[in-house]
Amino acid sequence: MTFAQLTEALSCYETVLEPDENTPEWWAGAPSVCRANDGTFYLAARMREGDSARGSRGYEIRILKSSDGRSFTPIHSLKREDADVPGFERPALVQDPGSGKFRLYGCAHLDTGWGVFKLDDVADPAEFNVGTRKTVLEATPGEQGFISVAGFKDPFVFQANGLWHMFVIGYDQIERAYHLSSEDGVRWDFTGENPILENAGWHNCYTRPACVLPLAVGYLVVYEGSHISWRDPSYNIATGLAYSPDLDDVVDLTPDEPLLRSTTPGQYHTWRYSHWVPVKDKLHVYFEAARPNNTNETRLSVLDMP
């Protein structure tokens, strides 16, 4: 499948989750999808309102369930006030291949800046309790006057080669892509070269990890970013692709221009926070995309497995 064919295939989509209000700055997105061992799909999404200050608008992590990965029913709601945080960003929902239990990672603005937390594992995603929140990744303040990473956000978590892996945004005025690994999914260490991609070319402002898809050989690294010249590049985010043979070295496959942008007209071309999920001989691609009235929704494209 060529990049042109992939772009065309991903332009066909269905909406799986809409914002609670069809009002500018209200979003339903940042999807993380787990296909459980029994074939059930679980979607964790960040619900965002448009009234609070930017960075504090994620009012809920909503968890939904589906038998086919297309039609989802809400089963649980985690509120920011119950977690005692200003607001949520992207969650990461995974099933532990060893215990069979489900894990939920989230991120919020904590005492030291943006940080990643984990809830206690549960047998059913409807049982997650924000009261069990424990910080697993936060920035270490640099020396006075020195620039350092100010926080971490929007984790993508999976298991490979006997280790847990987290691809995450490191924030230091601009956003960069980092890779960490862990034996238990709680204590994390940086792995390989970091940041994993340069902030250059069309993504010279933000360069952020979105998803990692195992291939027959190596891994497809789905990343997103923005150009400093774009309108509101903090939120006007497009998507590109990279390749890694070993999760350490990463090669940018789309350095000159983004591959994916929202196909609906409007002031924003946002196509971000995608999660690419293999389902038998198909590939389900879930992503957050801009609608014409400056709202965002979660969409799904179903492709034949390339």
Protein backbone atom coordinates (compact mmCIF):
# COMPACT_ATOMS: atom_id res chain seq x y z
CA MET A 1 0.00 0.00 0.00
CA THR A 2 1.43 3.37 -1.04
CA PHE A 3 1.15 6.51 1.07
CA ALA A 4 -1.38 7.90 -1.44
CA GLN A 5 -3.51 4.77 -1.13
CA LEU A 6 -3.27 4.91 2.67
CA THR A 7 -4.34 8.56 2.74
CA GLU A 8 -7.29 7.80 0.46
CA ALA A 9 -8.35 4.82 2.57
CA LEU A 10 -8.22 6.86 5.77
CA SER A 11 -10.42 9.57 4.24
CA CYS A 12 -13.34 7.12 4.60
CA TYR A 13 -14.45 7.12 8.22
CA GLU A 14 -17.32 6.81 10.66
CA THR A 15 -17.82 8.82 13.83
CA VAL A 16 -17.65 6.77 17.02
CA LEU A 17 -17.76 9.54 19.67
CA GLU A 18 -18.95 13.14 19.52
CA PRO A 19 -18.41 15.97 22.02
CA ASP A 20 -21.08 16.47 24.66
CA GLU A 21 -21.80 19.93 23.21
CA ASN A 22 -21.60 20.88 19.54
CA THR A 23 -19.89 24.12 20.55
CA PRO A 24 -16.42 25.38 19.53
CA GLU A 25 -13.58 24.07 21.71
CA TRP A 26 -15.62 21.07 22.94
CA TRP A 27 -13.86 17.85 21.99
CA ALA A 28 -14.29 14.09 22.26
CA GLY A 29 -10.94 12.55 21.45
CA ALA A 30 -7.48 11.39 22.48
CA PRO A 31 -8.66 7.77 22.03
CA SER A 32 -6.91 4.74 23.44
CA VAL A 33 -8.40 1.43 22.33
CA CYS A 34 -7.81 -1.98 23.87
CA ARG A 35 -9.03 -5.14 22.16
CA ALA A 36 -9.29 -7.58 25.04
CA ASN A 37 -8.36 -11.25 24.96
CA ASP A 38 -12.02 -12.19 24.48
CA GLY A 39 -12.37 -9.84 21.48
CA THR A 40 -14.23 -7.06 23.30
CA PHE A 41 -13.18 -3.51 22.43
CA TYR A 42 -12.70 -0.90 25.15
CA LEU A 43 -12.25 2.78 24.32
CA ALA A 44 -10.86 5.34 26.77
CA ALA A 45 -11.38 8.90 25.56
CA ARG A 46 -10.68 12.34 26.97
CA MET A 47 -13.80 14.55 27.04
CA ARG A 48 -12.99 18.27 26.88
CA GLU A 49 -15.05 21.40 27.48
CA GLY A 50 -14.31 24.81 26.03
CA ASP A 51 -14.86 27.12 28.97
CA SER A 52 -11.90 26.61 31.32
CA ALA A 53 -8.36 27.82 30.67
CA ARG A 54 -6.42 25.86 28.07
CA GLY A 55 -4.70 22.91 29.70
CA SER A 56 -7.51 22.45 32.22
CA ARG A 57 -10.41 21.54 29.94
CA GLY A 58 -10.31 17.75 30.08
CA TYR A 59 -13.19 17.09 32.46
CA GLU A 60 -13.59 13.34 32.05
CA ILE A 61 -11.95 10.11 30.95
CA ARG A 62 -14.87 8.22 29.48
CA ILE A 63 -14.64 4.46 29.02
CA LEU A 64 -16.81 2.75 26.44
CA LYS A 65 -17.34 -0.86 25.35
CA SER A 66 -18.08 -2.47 22.00
CA SER A 67 -18.41 -5.94 20.54
CA ASP A 68 -17.42 -4.87 17.01
CA GLY A 69 -15.14 -1.87 17.54
CA ARG A 70 -17.62 0.42 15.78
CA SER A 71 -20.63 0.98 18.04
CA PHE A 72 -19.57 1.92 21.58
CA THR A 73 -21.60 2.16 24.79
CA PRO A 74 -20.36 4.15 27.84
CA ILE A 75 -19.63 1.97 30.87
CA HIS A 76 -17.59 4.23 33.17
CA SER A 77 -16.77 7.88 33.82
CA LEU A 78 -13.69 9.21 35.63
CA LYS A 79 -14.09 12.87 36.62
CA ARG A 80 -11.29 15.40 37.11
CA GLU A 81 -12.72 16.57 40.42
CA ASP A 82 -12.69 13.01 41.78
CA ALA A 83 -9.05 12.66 40.72
CA ASP A 84 -8.22 16.06 42.27
CA VAL A 85 -6.54 17.35 39.10
CA PRO A 86 -7.24 20.48 37.01
CA GLY A 87 -7.94 18.42 33.90
CA PHE A 88 -7.09 15.24 31.99
CA GLU A 89 -5.13 14.76 28.79
CA ARG A 90 -4.80 11.56 26.72
CA PRO A 91 -5.24 8.23 28.58
CA ALA A 92 -3.66 4.86 27.73
CA LEU A 93 -5.74 1.71 28.24
CA VAL A 94 -4.03 -1.69 27.97
CA GLN A 95 -4.51 -5.28 29.07
CA ASP A 96 -1.65 -6.92 30.94
CA PRO A 97 -0.79 -10.04 28.90
CA GLY A 98 0.43 -11.76 32.07
CA SER A 99 -2.38 -11.17 34.56
CA GLY A 100 -5.18 -10.44 32.08
CA LYS A 101 -6.10 -7.37 34.11
CA PHE A 102 -6.60 -3.93 32.60
CA ARG A 103 -4.35 -0.95 33.20
CA LEU A 104 -5.18 2.71 32.77
CA TYR A 105 -2.54 5.40 32.54
CA GLY A 106 -3.50 9.04 32.42
CA CYS A 107 -1.89 12.44 32.56
CA ALA A 108 -2.71 15.70 34.22
CA HIS A 109 -1.04 18.82 35.56
CA LEU A 110 0.41 17.64 38.86
CA ASP A 111 2.39 19.49 41.53
CA THR A 112 5.60 19.56 39.47
CA GLY A 113 3.99 20.07 36.05
CA TRP A 114 2.53 17.66 33.53
CA GLY A 115 2.94 14.08 34.72
CA VAL A 116 1.74 10.55 33.99
CA PHE A 117 -0.21 8.54 36.56
CA LYS A 118 -1.47 4.97 36.77
CA LEU A 119 -4.60 3.57 38.40
CA ASP A 120 -4.70 0.21 40.12
CA ASP A 121 -5.24 -2.72 37.73
CA VAL A 122 -8.78 -4.10 37.47
CA ALA A 123 -10.50 -7.17 36.06
CA ASP A 124 -13.08 -5.01 34.25
CA PRO A 125 -12.49 -1.47 32.87
CA ALA A 126 -15.79 -0.42 34.48
CA GLU A 127 -14.06 -0.81 37.86
CA PHE A 128 -11.24 1.76 37.53
CA ASN A 129 -11.01 4.00 40.59
CA VAL A 130 -9.33 7.42 40.30
CA GLY A 131 -8.77 7.29 44.05
CA THR A 132 -5.95 4.81 43.36
CA ARG A 133 -4.02 7.34 41.23
CA LYS A 134 -0.23 7.11 41.62
CA THR A 135 2.31 9.19 39.70
CA VAL A 136 4.68 7.05 37.59
CA LEU A 137 6.44 9.72 35.48
CA GLU A 138 7.16 13.37 36.20
CA ALA A 139 9.85 15.83 35.25
CA THR A 140 12.84 16.56 37.45
CA PRO A 141 13.39 20.33 37.73
CA GLY A 142 16.64 21.48 36.14
CA GLU A 143 19.24 23.66 37.75
CA GLN A 144 18.28 27.29 38.15
CA GLY A 145 18.53 29.04 34.82
CA PHE A 146 18.91 25.83 32.81
CA ILE A 147 16.30 24.67 30.30
CA SER A 148 14.93 21.19 31.03
CA VAL A 149 11.86 19.09 30.29
CA ALA A 150 9.04 20.66 32.27
CA GLY A 151 6.60 17.76 32.11
CA PHE A 152 5.38 14.61 30.37
CA LYS A 153 1.96 13.96 28.87
CA ASP A 154 -0.16 11.85 26.51
CA PRO A 155 1.38 8.39 27.03
CA PHE A 156 1.05 5.52 24.57
CA VAL A 157 1.78 2.26 26.43
CA PHE A 158 2.24 -1.32 25.15
CA GLN A 159 4.29 -4.48 25.73
CA ALA A 160 7.00 -5.78 23.41
CA ASN A 161 9.99 -8.06 23.86
CA GLY A 162 9.10 -8.78 27.48
CA LEU A 163 9.08 -5.10 28.52
CA TRP A 164 6.52 -2.35 28.92
CA HIS A 165 7.13 0.60 26.59
CA MET A 166 5.88 4.15 26.88
CA PHE A 167 6.09 6.71 24.10
CA VAL A 168 5.26 10.07 25.59
CA ILE A 169 5.40 13.81 24.98
CA GLY A 170 8.09 15.73 26.80
CA TYR A 171 7.20 19.39 27.14
CA ASP A 172 9.76 22.22 27.29
CA GLN A 173 7.98 25.15 25.58
CA ILE A 174 7.74 22.93 22.51
CA GLU A 175 6.73 19.26 22.53
CA ARG A 176 9.09 16.39 21.70
CA ALA A 177 8.76 12.59 21.50
CA TYR A 178 10.40 10.37 24.15
CA HIS A 179 10.66 6.61 24.69
CA LEU A 180 10.87 4.85 28.06
CA SER A 181 10.75 1.19 29.07
CA SER A 182 9.90 -0.69 32.24
CA GLU A 183 9.81 -4.22 33.61
CA ASP A 184 6.66 -3.62 35.65
CA GLY A 185 4.97 -0.63 34.01
CA VAL A 186 5.49 1.44 37.15
CA ARG A 187 9.21 2.34 37.29
CA TRP A 188 10.30 3.80 33.95
CA ASP A 189 13.72 4.49 32.39
CA PHE A 190 14.62 6.33 29.19
CA THR A 191 15.51 3.98 26.33
CA GLY A 192 17.70 4.60 23.27
CA GLU A 193 18.17 8.04 21.74
CA ASN A 194 15.84 10.72 23.09
CA PRO A 195 14.03 12.62 21.74
CA ILE A 196 13.31 9.91 19.17
CA LEU A 197 12.72 12.38 16.29
CA GLU A 198 14.00 15.83 15.46
CA ASN A 199 11.62 18.78 15.55
CA ALA A 200 12.27 19.66 11.92
CA GLY A 201 10.65 20.07 8.53
CA TRP A 202 6.87 20.32 8.64
CA HIS A 203 6.89 19.37 12.35
CA ASN A 204 9.43 21.98 13.49
CA CYS A 205 7.15 23.23 16.29
CA TYR A 206 5.66 20.11 17.88
CA THR A 207 6.77 16.51 17.27
CA ARG A 208 4.73 14.03 19.31
CA PRO A 209 4.27 10.25 19.43
CA ALA A 210 0.79 8.94 18.68
CA CYS A 211 1.00 5.16 18.27
CA VAL A 212 3.38 2.26 17.64
CA LEU A 213 2.19 -0.61 15.42
CA PRO A 214 4.20 -3.88 15.34
CA LEU A 215 5.00 -5.06 11.80
CA ALA A 216 6.33 -8.34 10.47
CA VAL A 217 9.76 -6.71 10.75
CA GLY A 218 10.12 -3.71 13.02
CA TYR A 219 7.52 -1.14 14.01
CA LEU A 220 5.49 1.60 12.39
CA VAL A 221 5.78 4.72 14.55
CA VAL A 222 2.84 7.05 14.01
CA TYR A 223 3.77 10.57 15.05
CA GLU A 224 2.08 13.96 14.88
CA GLY A 225 3.24 17.52 14.82
CA SER A 226 2.84 21.08 13.67
CA HIS A 227 4.74 23.87 11.93
CA ILE A 228 5.49 27.15 13.64
CA SER A 229 3.83 29.04 10.78
CA TRP A 230 0.47 27.25 11.10
CA ARG A 231 -2.53 28.85 12.73
CA ASP A 232 -2.52 27.89 16.44
CA PRO A 233 0.17 25.17 16.09
CA SER A 234 -0.42 23.97 19.65
CA TYR A 235 -3.73 22.46 18.55
CA ASN A 236 -3.58 22.44 14.74
CA ILE A 237 -1.89 19.04 14.60
CA ALA A 238 -1.29 16.76 11.59
CA THR A 239 0.12 13.22 11.39
CA GLY A 240 3.10 11.53 9.74
CA LEU A 241 4.80 8.13 9.81
CA ALA A 242 8.19 6.82 10.88
CA TYR A 243 9.82 3.38 11.05
CA SER A 244 11.84 1.69 13.76
CA PRO A 245 13.56 -1.68 13.42
CA ASP A 246 14.06 -2.09 17.17
CA LEU A 247 12.17 0.66 19.08
CA ASP A 248 15.49 2.48 19.54
CA ASP A 249 16.37 3.95 16.15
CA VAL A 250 13.57 5.82 14.37
CA VAL A 251 13.57 7.02 10.73
CA ASP A 252 11.13 9.72 9.61
CA LEU A 253 9.24 8.48 6.52
CA THR A 254 7.33 11.74 5.92
CA PRO A 255 9.84 14.52 6.67
CA ASP A 256 8.64 17.00 4.04
CA GLU A 257 4.89 17.18 4.62
CA PRO A 258 2.26 15.54 6.81
CA LEU A 259 0.47 12.48 5.53
CA LEU A 260 -2.85 12.94 7.30
CA ARG A 261 -5.03 15.98 8.00
CA SER A 262 -8.73 16.32 8.77
CA THR A 263 -10.73 15.89 5.57
CA THR A 264 -13.54 18.19 6.72
CA PRO A 265 -13.20 21.94 6.02
CA GLY A 266 -12.61 24.46 8.78
CA GLN A 267 -10.00 26.62 10.49
CA TYR A 268 -8.24 23.53 11.87
CA HIS A 269 -6.92 20.48 10.00
CA THR A 270 -6.31 18.51 13.20
CA TRP A 271 -5.80 14.72 12.72
CA ARG A 272 -4.11 13.41 15.85
CA TYR A 273 -4.05 11.01 18.82
CA SER A 274 -4.49 8.04 16.51
CA HIS A 275 -4.46 4.43 17.68
CA TRP A 276 -3.92 1.74 15.01
CA VAL A 277 -5.38 -1.60 16.15
CA PRO A 278 -4.96 -4.87 14.19
CA VAL A 279 -8.23 -6.85 14.05
CA LYS A 280 -7.79 -10.14 12.19
CA ASP A 281 -7.24 -9.15 8.53
CA LYS A 282 -8.32 -5.54 9.13
CA LEU A 283 -6.75 -2.49 10.68
CA HIS A 284 -8.92 -0.23 12.83
CA VAL A 285 -7.56 3.32 12.95
CA TYR A 286 -9.13 5.48 15.66
CA PHE A 287 -8.26 9.18 15.65
CA GLU A 288 -9.34 12.61 16.83
CA ALA A 289 -10.18 15.02 14.02
CA ALA A 290 -11.41 18.58 13.66
CA ARG A 291 -14.95 19.32 12.51
CA PRO A 292 -15.90 22.49 10.61
CA ASN A 293 -17.08 24.41 13.71
CA ASN A 294 -13.86 24.01 15.76
CA THR A 295 -15.11 20.96 17.64
CA ASN A 296 -13.27 17.62 17.54
CA GLU A 297 -14.66 14.10 17.40
CA THR A 298 -13.30 10.57 17.47
CA ARG A 299 -13.41 8.82 14.11
CA LEU A 300 -12.73 5.30 12.89
CA SER A 301 -11.37 4.14 9.56
CA VAL A 302 -11.29 0.39 8.82
CA LEU A 303 -8.67 -0.75 6.32
CA ASP A 304 -7.61 -4.05 4.83
CA MET A 305 -4.40 -4.98 6.60
CA PRO A 306 -1.57 -3.58 4.44
